[in-house]
Amino acid sequence: MNGIILAGGKSSRFGENKALAKIEDQPLIERTACFLGQFFPKVYIIANTPDDYQYLGLEIRADLIKGRGPLGGIHAGLTASTGFKNFITACDMPYLSRELICHLAKSSVGFDLVVPRFSGRLQPLCAVYTKTCLPQIERQLTEGDLRLTGLIEAVNSRIIEEDEITAIDPAGSSFANINTKEDYAAISR
């Protein structure tokens, strides 16, 4: 299993490249890459501005089909990865839980996609995807259906419900993410 970090977003609500915003004096992208590098043999960054992340020394890939949002990033990541199974996350989730990732990985046997649901919301950017998702992703990209929920519904998915998650990550810290400067200020505190 490999790790894939999506860092290709426009950060329009944040106002600048949020992947380079710092938490505890470390850019978010670096924090996530170092964390995933502790237990995945290979970590990929999917970004359309590769020069921003060259200093990390990781393989960086751009979207194969531009302007398709997270689904396009997932497509690029799964296509690039040498692993059949991949943990995919966004660059703006600074408090991922190793235990939760391990639980998702263990729960992925026999499934194409394993995704948590927390506070009533699916969390597809903290999930395990297999390469068997690629034909459906390509179909959706061709049809212009960029909904991650559409992918979850179309493939053999397992939803990890909140009671399983809170046994591992009681506060759901793994799902804290940064979209705005207000989110950043709250998480930084």
N, C-alpha and C. Protein backbone atom coordinates (compact mmCIF):
# COMPACT_ATOMS: atom_id res chain seq x y z
N MET A 1 0.85 -1.18 0.00
CA MET A 1 0.00 0.00 0.00
C MET A 1 0.89 1.23 0.00
N ASN A 2 0.50 2.21 -0.81
CA ASN A 2 1.22 3.48 -0.87
C ASN A 2 0.34 4.61 -0.34
N GLY A 3 0.96 5.75 -0.12
CA GLY A 3 0.25 6.95 0.30
C GLY A 3 0.20 7.95 -0.84
N ILE A 4 -0.94 8.60 -0.98
CA ILE A 4 -1.12 9.62 -2.02
C ILE A 4 -1.69 10.87 -1.36
N ILE A 5 -1.03 11.99 -1.60
CA ILE A 5 -1.47 13.27 -1.04
C ILE A 5 -1.96 14.16 -2.17
N LEU A 6 -3.19 14.60 -2.08
CA LEU A 6 -3.75 15.51 -3.08
C LEU A 6 -3.45 16.95 -2.67
N ALA A 7 -2.72 17.65 -3.54
CA ALA A 7 -2.34 19.03 -3.26
C ALA A 7 -2.56 19.90 -4.49
N GLY A 8 -3.54 19.53 -5.30
CA GLY A 8 -3.75 20.25 -6.56
C GLY A 8 -4.86 21.26 -6.53
N GLY A 9 -5.46 21.45 -5.38
CA GLY A 9 -6.59 22.39 -5.30
C GLY A 9 -6.17 23.83 -5.51
N LYS A 10 -7.13 24.66 -5.80
CA LYS A 10 -6.86 26.07 -6.07
C LYS A 10 -6.75 26.90 -4.80
N SER A 11 -7.16 26.35 -3.65
CA SER A 11 -7.13 27.07 -2.38
C SER A 11 -7.86 28.41 -2.47
N SER A 12 -8.93 28.47 -3.26
CA SER A 12 -9.61 29.74 -3.50
C SER A 12 -10.22 30.33 -2.23
N ARG A 13 -10.75 29.50 -1.36
CA ARG A 13 -11.32 30.02 -0.11
C ARG A 13 -10.23 30.43 0.88
N PHE A 14 -9.05 29.83 0.74
CA PHE A 14 -7.94 30.15 1.65
C PHE A 14 -7.19 31.40 1.19
N GLY A 15 -7.15 31.63 -0.12
CA GLY A 15 -6.53 32.85 -0.63
C GLY A 15 -5.07 32.70 -1.05
N GLU A 16 -4.45 31.58 -0.73
CA GLU A 16 -3.07 31.28 -1.14
C GLU A 16 -2.91 29.77 -1.04
N ASN A 17 -1.76 29.25 -1.44
CA ASN A 17 -1.54 27.81 -1.44
C ASN A 17 -1.53 27.29 0.00
N LYS A 18 -2.63 26.66 0.41
CA LYS A 18 -2.75 26.21 1.79
C LYS A 18 -1.80 25.06 2.11
N ALA A 19 -1.35 24.33 1.12
CA ALA A 19 -0.41 23.22 1.36
C ALA A 19 0.89 23.73 1.98
N LEU A 20 1.19 25.00 1.76
CA LEU A 20 2.43 25.59 2.30
C LEU A 20 2.20 26.35 3.60
N ALA A 21 0.95 26.43 4.05
CA ALA A 21 0.66 27.05 5.35
C ALA A 21 1.28 26.17 6.44
N LYS A 22 1.77 26.80 7.49
CA LYS A 22 2.51 26.05 8.52
C LYS A 22 1.67 25.76 9.76
N ILE A 23 1.85 24.54 10.24
CA ILE A 23 1.33 24.11 11.54
C ILE A 23 2.56 23.67 12.33
N GLU A 24 2.76 24.27 13.50
CA GLU A 24 3.93 23.96 14.31
C GLU A 24 5.22 24.10 13.49
N ASP A 25 5.33 25.21 12.75
CA ASP A 25 6.51 25.57 11.95
C ASP A 25 6.83 24.60 10.82
N GLN A 26 5.85 23.83 10.37
CA GLN A 26 6.08 22.90 9.26
C GLN A 26 4.93 23.04 8.26
N PRO A 27 5.26 23.20 6.96
CA PRO A 27 4.19 23.30 5.97
C PRO A 27 3.29 22.06 6.02
N LEU A 28 2.01 22.27 5.81
CA LEU A 28 1.04 21.17 5.85
C LEU A 28 1.45 20.01 4.96
N ILE A 29 1.89 20.30 3.74
CA ILE A 29 2.27 19.23 2.81
C ILE A 29 3.45 18.44 3.35
N GLU A 30 4.40 19.12 3.94
CA GLU A 30 5.58 18.45 4.50
C GLU A 30 5.19 17.60 5.70
N ARG A 31 4.33 18.15 6.53
CA ARG A 31 3.85 17.42 7.72
C ARG A 31 3.18 16.11 7.31
N THR A 32 2.30 16.19 6.30
CA THR A 32 1.59 15.01 5.85
C THR A 32 2.53 14.02 5.17
N ALA A 33 3.44 14.52 4.35
CA ALA A 33 4.39 13.65 3.66
C ALA A 33 5.30 12.92 4.65
N CYS A 34 5.79 13.62 5.64
CA CYS A 34 6.65 12.98 6.65
C CYS A 34 5.87 11.94 7.45
N PHE A 35 4.64 12.26 7.80
CA PHE A 35 3.81 11.33 8.56
C PHE A 35 3.56 10.06 7.76
N LEU A 36 3.11 10.19 6.51
CA LEU A 36 2.82 9.01 5.70
C LEU A 36 4.09 8.24 5.37
N GLY A 37 5.19 8.94 5.22
CA GLY A 37 6.46 8.29 4.92
C GLY A 37 6.96 7.37 6.02
N GLN A 38 6.42 7.51 7.23
CA GLN A 38 6.80 6.64 8.33
C GLN A 38 6.31 5.21 8.14
N PHE A 39 5.25 5.02 7.38
CA PHE A 39 4.71 3.67 7.27
C PHE A 39 4.27 3.23 5.88
N PHE A 40 4.41 4.08 4.87
CA PHE A 40 4.15 3.66 3.50
C PHE A 40 5.47 3.62 2.74
N PRO A 41 5.69 2.58 1.92
CA PRO A 41 6.96 2.50 1.20
C PRO A 41 7.15 3.61 0.18
N LYS A 42 6.05 4.12 -0.35
CA LYS A 42 6.13 5.19 -1.33
C LYS A 42 5.00 6.18 -1.09
N VAL A 43 5.33 7.46 -1.16
CA VAL A 43 4.34 8.52 -1.00
C VAL A 43 4.40 9.39 -2.26
N TYR A 44 3.24 9.64 -2.84
CA TYR A 44 3.13 10.47 -4.05
C TYR A 44 2.43 11.77 -3.67
N ILE A 45 2.80 12.82 -4.36
CA ILE A 45 2.08 14.08 -4.26
C ILE A 45 1.45 14.34 -5.62
N ILE A 46 0.16 14.62 -5.61
CA ILE A 46 -0.55 14.96 -6.84
C ILE A 46 -0.80 16.46 -6.80
N ALA A 47 -0.12 17.18 -7.69
CA ALA A 47 -0.18 18.65 -7.67
C ALA A 47 0.05 19.18 -9.07
N ASN A 48 -0.58 20.28 -9.36
CA ASN A 48 -0.39 20.92 -10.66
C ASN A 48 0.67 22.01 -10.62
N THR A 49 1.28 22.20 -9.45
CA THR A 49 2.40 23.14 -9.29
C THR A 49 3.57 22.38 -8.66
N PRO A 50 4.18 21.46 -9.41
CA PRO A 50 5.19 20.58 -8.83
C PRO A 50 6.40 21.32 -8.24
N ASP A 51 6.74 22.46 -8.79
CA ASP A 51 7.91 23.19 -8.28
C ASP A 51 7.77 23.56 -6.81
N ASP A 52 6.53 23.75 -6.35
CA ASP A 52 6.29 24.11 -4.95
C ASP A 52 6.72 23.00 -3.98
N TYR A 53 6.79 21.76 -4.47
CA TYR A 53 7.01 20.62 -3.58
C TYR A 53 8.26 19.80 -3.90
N GLN A 54 9.05 20.25 -4.86
CA GLN A 54 10.27 19.51 -5.25
C GLN A 54 11.19 19.27 -4.06
N TYR A 55 11.24 20.22 -3.14
CA TYR A 55 12.16 20.11 -2.00
C TYR A 55 11.88 18.88 -1.13
N LEU A 56 10.70 18.29 -1.25
CA LEU A 56 10.36 17.12 -0.44
C LEU A 56 11.00 15.84 -0.96
N GLY A 57 11.47 15.84 -2.20
CA GLY A 57 12.13 14.68 -2.76
C GLY A 57 11.20 13.50 -3.04
N LEU A 58 9.91 13.77 -3.20
CA LEU A 58 8.93 12.73 -3.48
C LEU A 58 8.52 12.78 -4.95
N GLU A 59 7.91 11.69 -5.42
CA GLU A 59 7.40 11.69 -6.78
C GLU A 59 6.16 12.57 -6.83
N ILE A 60 6.17 13.51 -7.75
CA ILE A 60 5.06 14.45 -7.90
C ILE A 60 4.47 14.25 -9.28
N ARG A 61 3.17 14.11 -9.31
CA ARG A 61 2.46 13.94 -10.58
C ARG A 61 1.35 14.98 -10.68
N ALA A 62 1.14 15.45 -11.89
CA ALA A 62 0.05 16.38 -12.16
C ALA A 62 -1.18 15.59 -12.58
N ASP A 63 -2.33 16.23 -12.50
CA ASP A 63 -3.56 15.61 -12.99
C ASP A 63 -3.38 15.24 -14.45
N LEU A 64 -3.84 14.06 -14.81
CA LEU A 64 -3.80 13.63 -16.21
C LEU A 64 -4.88 14.33 -17.02
N ILE A 65 -5.99 14.60 -16.35
CA ILE A 65 -7.09 15.35 -16.96
C ILE A 65 -7.30 16.57 -16.07
N LYS A 66 -6.95 17.72 -16.55
CA LYS A 66 -6.95 18.95 -15.75
C LYS A 66 -8.37 19.43 -15.43
N GLY A 67 -8.47 20.13 -14.29
CA GLY A 67 -9.71 20.80 -13.93
C GLY A 67 -10.84 19.88 -13.50
N ARG A 68 -10.50 18.71 -12.95
CA ARG A 68 -11.53 17.76 -12.55
C ARG A 68 -11.63 17.58 -11.04
N GLY A 69 -11.00 18.46 -10.29
CA GLY A 69 -11.13 18.44 -8.84
C GLY A 69 -10.52 17.20 -8.21
N PRO A 70 -10.98 16.85 -7.01
CA PRO A 70 -10.42 15.70 -6.29
C PRO A 70 -10.48 14.39 -7.08
N LEU A 71 -11.55 14.18 -7.85
CA LEU A 71 -11.65 12.95 -8.62
C LEU A 71 -10.51 12.85 -9.63
N GLY A 72 -10.16 13.97 -10.24
CA GLY A 72 -9.03 14.00 -11.16
C GLY A 72 -7.72 13.70 -10.46
N GLY A 73 -7.57 14.22 -9.24
CA GLY A 73 -6.37 13.94 -8.45
C GLY A 73 -6.27 12.48 -8.05
N ILE A 74 -7.39 11.91 -7.66
CA ILE A 74 -7.43 10.48 -7.29
C ILE A 74 -7.06 9.64 -8.51
N HIS A 75 -7.58 10.01 -9.66
CA HIS A 75 -7.26 9.32 -10.91
C HIS A 75 -5.76 9.36 -11.17
N ALA A 76 -5.16 10.53 -11.07
CA ALA A 76 -3.71 10.66 -11.32
C ALA A 76 -2.92 9.85 -10.31
N GLY A 77 -3.34 9.87 -9.05
CA GLY A 77 -2.63 9.15 -8.00
C GLY A 77 -2.70 7.64 -8.19
N LEU A 78 -3.88 7.13 -8.45
CA LEU A 78 -4.03 5.69 -8.66
C LEU A 78 -3.30 5.23 -9.91
N THR A 79 -3.30 6.05 -10.95
CA THR A 79 -2.60 5.71 -12.18
C THR A 79 -1.09 5.65 -11.94
N ALA A 80 -0.56 6.58 -11.16
CA ALA A 80 0.88 6.66 -10.91
C ALA A 80 1.37 5.59 -9.94
N SER A 81 0.57 5.24 -8.99
CA SER A 81 1.01 4.38 -7.89
C SER A 81 1.40 2.98 -8.34
N THR A 82 2.44 2.47 -7.72
CA THR A 82 2.86 1.09 -7.95
C THR A 82 2.10 0.12 -7.05
N GLY A 83 1.36 0.65 -6.10
CA GLY A 83 0.60 -0.19 -5.18
C GLY A 83 -0.83 -0.42 -5.66
N PHE A 84 -1.35 -1.61 -5.41
CA PHE A 84 -2.74 -1.90 -5.74
C PHE A 84 -3.68 -1.13 -4.81
N LYS A 85 -3.34 -1.12 -3.52
CA LYS A 85 -4.12 -0.36 -2.54
C LYS A 85 -3.36 0.92 -2.20
N ASN A 86 -4.14 1.98 -1.96
CA ASN A 86 -3.53 3.28 -1.68
C ASN A 86 -4.37 4.05 -0.68
N PHE A 87 -3.68 4.63 0.30
CA PHE A 87 -4.36 5.55 1.21
C PHE A 87 -4.27 6.92 0.57
N ILE A 88 -5.42 7.55 0.37
CA ILE A 88 -5.47 8.87 -0.27
C ILE A 88 -6.00 9.88 0.73
N THR A 89 -5.28 10.99 0.82
CA THR A 89 -5.68 12.06 1.72
C THR A 89 -5.43 13.41 1.07
N ALA A 90 -6.02 14.43 1.64
CA ALA A 90 -5.79 15.80 1.21
C ALA A 90 -4.59 16.36 1.97
N CYS A 91 -3.98 17.38 1.41
CA CYS A 91 -2.80 17.98 2.04
C CYS A 91 -3.15 18.81 3.27
N ASP A 92 -4.42 19.09 3.48
CA ASP A 92 -4.81 20.03 4.54
C ASP A 92 -5.44 19.36 5.75
N MET A 93 -5.02 18.12 6.03
CA MET A 93 -5.55 17.38 7.18
C MET A 93 -4.38 17.05 8.11
N PRO A 94 -4.02 17.97 9.01
CA PRO A 94 -2.77 17.84 9.77
C PRO A 94 -2.78 16.85 10.92
N TYR A 95 -3.93 16.31 11.28
CA TYR A 95 -3.96 15.44 12.47
C TYR A 95 -4.46 14.03 12.16
N LEU A 96 -3.98 13.48 11.06
CA LEU A 96 -4.34 12.11 10.69
C LEU A 96 -3.89 11.14 11.79
N SER A 97 -4.67 10.12 12.00
CA SER A 97 -4.36 9.10 13.00
C SER A 97 -3.80 7.85 12.32
N ARG A 98 -2.62 7.45 12.74
CA ARG A 98 -2.02 6.22 12.21
C ARG A 98 -2.95 5.03 12.48
N GLU A 99 -3.55 4.99 13.67
CA GLU A 99 -4.43 3.89 14.03
C GLU A 99 -5.65 3.84 13.11
N LEU A 100 -6.19 5.00 12.76
CA LEU A 100 -7.34 5.03 11.85
C LEU A 100 -6.93 4.54 10.47
N ILE A 101 -5.79 4.98 9.98
CA ILE A 101 -5.32 4.54 8.67
C ILE A 101 -5.12 3.02 8.67
N CYS A 102 -4.53 2.50 9.73
CA CYS A 102 -4.34 1.04 9.83
C CYS A 102 -5.69 0.31 9.84
N HIS A 103 -6.66 0.88 10.54
CA HIS A 103 -7.99 0.27 10.58
C HIS A 103 -8.64 0.28 9.20
N LEU A 104 -8.50 1.38 8.48
CA LEU A 104 -9.04 1.45 7.12
C LEU A 104 -8.37 0.41 6.23
N ALA A 105 -7.05 0.28 6.36
CA ALA A 105 -6.31 -0.69 5.55
C ALA A 105 -6.77 -2.11 5.86
N LYS A 106 -6.89 -2.45 7.14
CA LYS A 106 -7.33 -3.79 7.52
C LYS A 106 -8.76 -4.06 7.05
N SER A 107 -9.57 -3.03 7.01
CA SER A 107 -10.97 -3.17 6.62
C SER A 107 -11.15 -3.24 5.11
N SER A 108 -10.07 -3.06 4.36
CA SER A 108 -10.20 -2.96 2.90
C SER A 108 -10.20 -4.31 2.19
N VAL A 109 -9.96 -5.39 2.92
CA VAL A 109 -9.92 -6.71 2.28
C VAL A 109 -11.27 -7.00 1.61
N GLY A 110 -11.22 -7.26 0.32
CA GLY A 110 -12.43 -7.59 -0.42
C GLY A 110 -13.23 -6.39 -0.92
N PHE A 111 -12.71 -5.18 -0.72
CA PHE A 111 -13.43 -3.98 -1.15
C PHE A 111 -12.57 -3.16 -2.11
N ASP A 112 -13.24 -2.40 -2.97
CA ASP A 112 -12.55 -1.50 -3.89
C ASP A 112 -12.19 -0.18 -3.21
N LEU A 113 -13.00 0.20 -2.24
CA LEU A 113 -12.87 1.50 -1.59
C LEU A 113 -13.39 1.39 -0.17
N VAL A 114 -12.64 1.93 0.78
CA VAL A 114 -13.07 1.98 2.17
C VAL A 114 -13.02 3.43 2.61
N VAL A 115 -14.17 3.94 3.03
CA VAL A 115 -14.28 5.36 3.36
C VAL A 115 -15.00 5.53 4.69
N PRO A 116 -14.44 6.38 5.56
CA PRO A 116 -15.12 6.66 6.83
C PRO A 116 -16.29 7.63 6.67
N ARG A 117 -17.23 7.52 7.61
CA ARG A 117 -18.29 8.52 7.72
C ARG A 117 -18.20 9.07 9.14
N PHE A 118 -18.06 10.39 9.25
CA PHE A 118 -17.94 11.02 10.56
C PHE A 118 -18.83 12.25 10.59
N SER A 119 -19.54 12.44 11.67
CA SER A 119 -20.50 13.54 11.81
C SER A 119 -21.48 13.59 10.63
N GLY A 120 -21.88 12.40 10.19
CA GLY A 120 -22.86 12.30 9.12
C GLY A 120 -22.32 12.53 7.73
N ARG A 121 -21.00 12.75 7.60
CA ARG A 121 -20.43 13.06 6.29
C ARG A 121 -19.39 12.02 5.89
N LEU A 122 -19.46 11.58 4.64
CA LEU A 122 -18.42 10.71 4.11
C LEU A 122 -17.11 11.49 4.02
N GLN A 123 -16.02 10.81 4.23
CA GLN A 123 -14.70 11.44 4.23
C GLN A 123 -13.82 10.79 3.15
N PRO A 124 -14.12 11.05 1.87
CA PRO A 124 -13.40 10.36 0.79
C PRO A 124 -11.96 10.81 0.60
N LEU A 125 -11.53 11.84 1.32
CA LEU A 125 -10.13 12.26 1.23
C LEU A 125 -9.36 11.82 2.47
N CYS A 126 -9.82 10.73 3.04
CA CYS A 126 -9.13 10.03 4.13
C CYS A 126 -9.59 8.58 4.00
N ALA A 127 -9.21 7.95 2.88
CA ALA A 127 -9.80 6.67 2.52
C ALA A 127 -8.80 5.78 1.80
N VAL A 128 -9.13 4.49 1.72
CA VAL A 128 -8.31 3.52 1.00
C VAL A 128 -9.01 3.19 -0.32
N TYR A 129 -8.27 3.38 -1.40
CA TYR A 129 -8.75 3.10 -2.75
C TYR A 129 -7.89 2.01 -3.39
N THR A 130 -8.50 1.16 -4.18
CA THR A 130 -7.72 0.20 -4.95
C THR A 130 -7.75 0.62 -6.42
N LYS A 131 -6.84 0.05 -7.17
CA LYS A 131 -6.77 0.36 -8.59
C LYS A 131 -8.02 -0.12 -9.35
N THR A 132 -8.80 -0.99 -8.74
CA THR A 132 -10.03 -1.44 -9.41
C THR A 132 -11.05 -0.30 -9.55
N CYS A 133 -10.81 0.81 -8.86
CA CYS A 133 -11.68 1.99 -9.00
C CYS A 133 -11.42 2.74 -10.30
N LEU A 134 -10.27 2.51 -10.94
CA LEU A 134 -9.88 3.32 -12.10
C LEU A 134 -10.89 3.30 -13.25
N PRO A 135 -11.43 2.15 -13.67
CA PRO A 135 -12.39 2.20 -14.78
C PRO A 135 -13.62 3.08 -14.47
N GLN A 136 -14.12 2.99 -13.24
CA GLN A 136 -15.28 3.81 -12.88
C GLN A 136 -14.90 5.29 -12.83
N ILE A 137 -13.71 5.59 -12.28
CA ILE A 137 -13.25 6.99 -12.24
C ILE A 137 -13.13 7.53 -13.66
N GLU A 138 -12.53 6.74 -14.55
CA GLU A 138 -12.37 7.20 -15.93
C GLU A 138 -13.72 7.40 -16.61
N ARG A 139 -14.67 6.53 -16.32
CA ARG A 139 -16.02 6.69 -16.86
C ARG A 139 -16.63 8.00 -16.37
N GLN A 140 -16.52 8.25 -15.07
CA GLN A 140 -17.09 9.48 -14.52
C GLN A 140 -16.39 10.72 -15.07
N LEU A 141 -15.07 10.67 -15.21
CA LEU A 141 -14.35 11.83 -15.75
C LEU A 141 -14.78 12.11 -17.18
N THR A 142 -14.97 11.05 -17.96
CA THR A 142 -15.41 11.20 -19.35
C THR A 142 -16.81 11.80 -19.42
N GLU A 143 -17.67 11.37 -18.50
CA GLU A 143 -19.06 11.84 -18.48
C GLU A 143 -19.22 13.18 -17.77
N GLY A 144 -18.16 13.67 -17.12
CA GLY A 144 -18.25 14.94 -16.40
C GLY A 144 -18.89 14.81 -15.03
N ASP A 145 -19.03 13.58 -14.54
CA ASP A 145 -19.59 13.35 -13.20
C ASP A 145 -18.42 13.31 -12.20
N LEU A 146 -18.18 14.41 -11.53
CA LEU A 146 -17.02 14.53 -10.65
C LEU A 146 -17.33 14.23 -9.19
N ARG A 147 -18.52 13.71 -8.92
CA ARG A 147 -18.93 13.44 -7.54
C ARG A 147 -18.20 12.23 -6.96
N LEU A 148 -17.55 12.43 -5.84
CA LEU A 148 -16.92 11.31 -5.15
C LEU A 148 -17.97 10.36 -4.61
N THR A 149 -19.13 10.89 -4.25
CA THR A 149 -20.21 10.01 -3.79
C THR A 149 -20.67 9.10 -4.92
N GLY A 150 -20.61 9.58 -6.16
CA GLY A 150 -20.94 8.74 -7.30
C GLY A 150 -20.00 7.57 -7.42
N LEU A 151 -18.72 7.80 -7.18
CA LEU A 151 -17.73 6.72 -7.20
C LEU A 151 -18.01 5.73 -6.07
N ILE A 152 -18.24 6.26 -4.88
CA ILE A 152 -18.49 5.40 -3.72
C ILE A 152 -19.70 4.50 -3.96
N GLU A 153 -20.73 5.05 -4.58
CA GLU A 153 -21.94 4.28 -4.87
C GLU A 153 -21.73 3.25 -5.98
N ALA A 154 -20.82 3.52 -6.91
CA ALA A 154 -20.67 2.67 -8.10
C ALA A 154 -19.72 1.49 -7.91
N VAL A 155 -18.79 1.59 -6.96
CA VAL A 155 -17.84 0.49 -6.77
C VAL A 155 -18.19 -0.27 -5.48
N ASN A 156 -17.48 -1.36 -5.26
CA ASN A 156 -17.71 -2.17 -4.06
C ASN A 156 -17.07 -1.46 -2.86
N SER A 157 -17.86 -0.65 -2.19
CA SER A 157 -17.35 0.20 -1.11
C SER A 157 -17.77 -0.31 0.26
N ARG A 158 -16.93 -0.04 1.22
CA ARG A 158 -17.29 -0.28 2.61
C ARG A 158 -17.24 1.07 3.33
N ILE A 159 -18.31 1.39 4.02
CA ILE A 159 -18.37 2.61 4.82
C ILE A 159 -18.00 2.24 6.25
N ILE A 160 -17.03 2.91 6.80
CA ILE A 160 -16.66 2.73 8.20
C ILE A 160 -17.45 3.77 8.99
N GLU A 161 -18.35 3.29 9.82
CA GLU A 161 -19.27 4.19 10.53
C GLU A 161 -18.60 4.81 11.76
N GLU A 162 -19.26 5.82 12.27
CA GLU A 162 -18.70 6.64 13.35
C GLU A 162 -18.36 5.86 14.61
N ASP A 163 -19.16 4.85 14.96
CA ASP A 163 -18.86 4.11 16.18
C ASP A 163 -17.52 3.38 16.08
N GLU A 164 -17.16 2.90 14.89
CA GLU A 164 -15.85 2.29 14.69
C GLU A 164 -14.75 3.34 14.76
N ILE A 165 -15.03 4.50 14.21
CA ILE A 165 -14.02 5.57 14.16
C ILE A 165 -13.75 6.12 15.55
N THR A 166 -14.80 6.38 16.32
CA THR A 166 -14.60 7.00 17.63
C THR A 166 -13.89 6.07 18.61
N ALA A 167 -13.90 4.78 18.35
CA ALA A 167 -13.13 3.85 19.18
C ALA A 167 -11.62 4.05 18.96
N ILE A 168 -11.27 4.64 17.82
CA ILE A 168 -9.86 4.85 17.45
C ILE A 168 -9.47 6.32 17.56
N ASP A 169 -10.34 7.19 17.08
CA ASP A 169 -10.08 8.63 17.02
C ASP A 169 -11.32 9.33 17.58
N PRO A 170 -11.46 9.36 18.92
CA PRO A 170 -12.70 9.82 19.56
C PRO A 170 -13.20 11.20 19.11
N ALA A 171 -12.29 12.13 18.90
CA ALA A 171 -12.70 13.47 18.51
C ALA A 171 -12.82 13.65 17.01
N GLY A 172 -12.42 12.63 16.25
CA GLY A 172 -12.44 12.77 14.79
C GLY A 172 -11.39 13.73 14.29
N SER A 173 -10.29 13.86 15.01
CA SER A 173 -9.23 14.81 14.63
C SER A 173 -8.67 14.54 13.24
N SER A 174 -8.71 13.30 12.81
CA SER A 174 -8.19 12.96 11.48
C SER A 174 -8.91 13.72 10.37
N PHE A 175 -10.13 14.13 10.62
CA PHE A 175 -10.92 14.77 9.58
C PHE A 175 -10.90 16.30 9.64
N ALA A 176 -10.17 16.85 10.62
CA ALA A 176 -10.04 18.31 10.70
C ALA A 176 -9.26 18.77 9.48
N ASN A 177 -9.84 19.70 8.74
CA ASN A 177 -9.13 20.19 7.56
C ASN A 177 -9.24 21.71 7.47
N ILE A 178 -8.46 22.24 6.56
CA ILE A 178 -8.34 23.69 6.46
C ILE A 178 -8.84 24.14 5.09
N ASN A 179 -9.92 24.91 5.09
CA ASN A 179 -10.43 25.48 3.85
C ASN A 179 -10.34 27.00 3.83
N THR A 180 -10.40 27.61 5.02
CA THR A 180 -10.40 29.07 5.11
C THR A 180 -9.34 29.52 6.13
N LYS A 181 -9.09 30.80 6.15
CA LYS A 181 -8.15 31.35 7.15
C LYS A 181 -8.70 31.13 8.56
N GLU A 182 -10.02 31.13 8.71
CA GLU A 182 -10.64 30.87 10.03
C GLU A 182 -10.37 29.45 10.47
N ASP A 183 -10.50 28.49 9.54
CA ASP A 183 -10.17 27.09 9.85
C ASP A 183 -8.71 26.99 10.28
N TYR A 184 -7.84 27.67 9.56
CA TYR A 184 -6.41 27.64 9.84
C TYR A 184 -6.13 28.20 11.24
N ALA A 185 -6.76 29.31 11.57
CA ALA A 185 -6.56 29.91 12.90
C ALA A 185 -7.04 28.96 13.99
N ALA A 186 -8.19 28.32 13.77
CA ALA A 186 -8.73 27.41 14.78
C ALA A 186 -7.82 26.19 14.95
N ILE A 187 -7.37 25.61 13.86
CA ILE A 187 -6.51 24.43 13.92
C ILE A 187 -5.14 24.79 14.50
N SER A 188 -4.64 25.96 14.16
CA SER A 188 -3.33 26.40 14.67
C SER A 188 -3.34 26.55 16.19
N ARG A 189 -4.51 26.91 16.74
CA ARG A 189 -4.61 27.05 18.20
C ARG A 189 -4.57 25.69 18.85
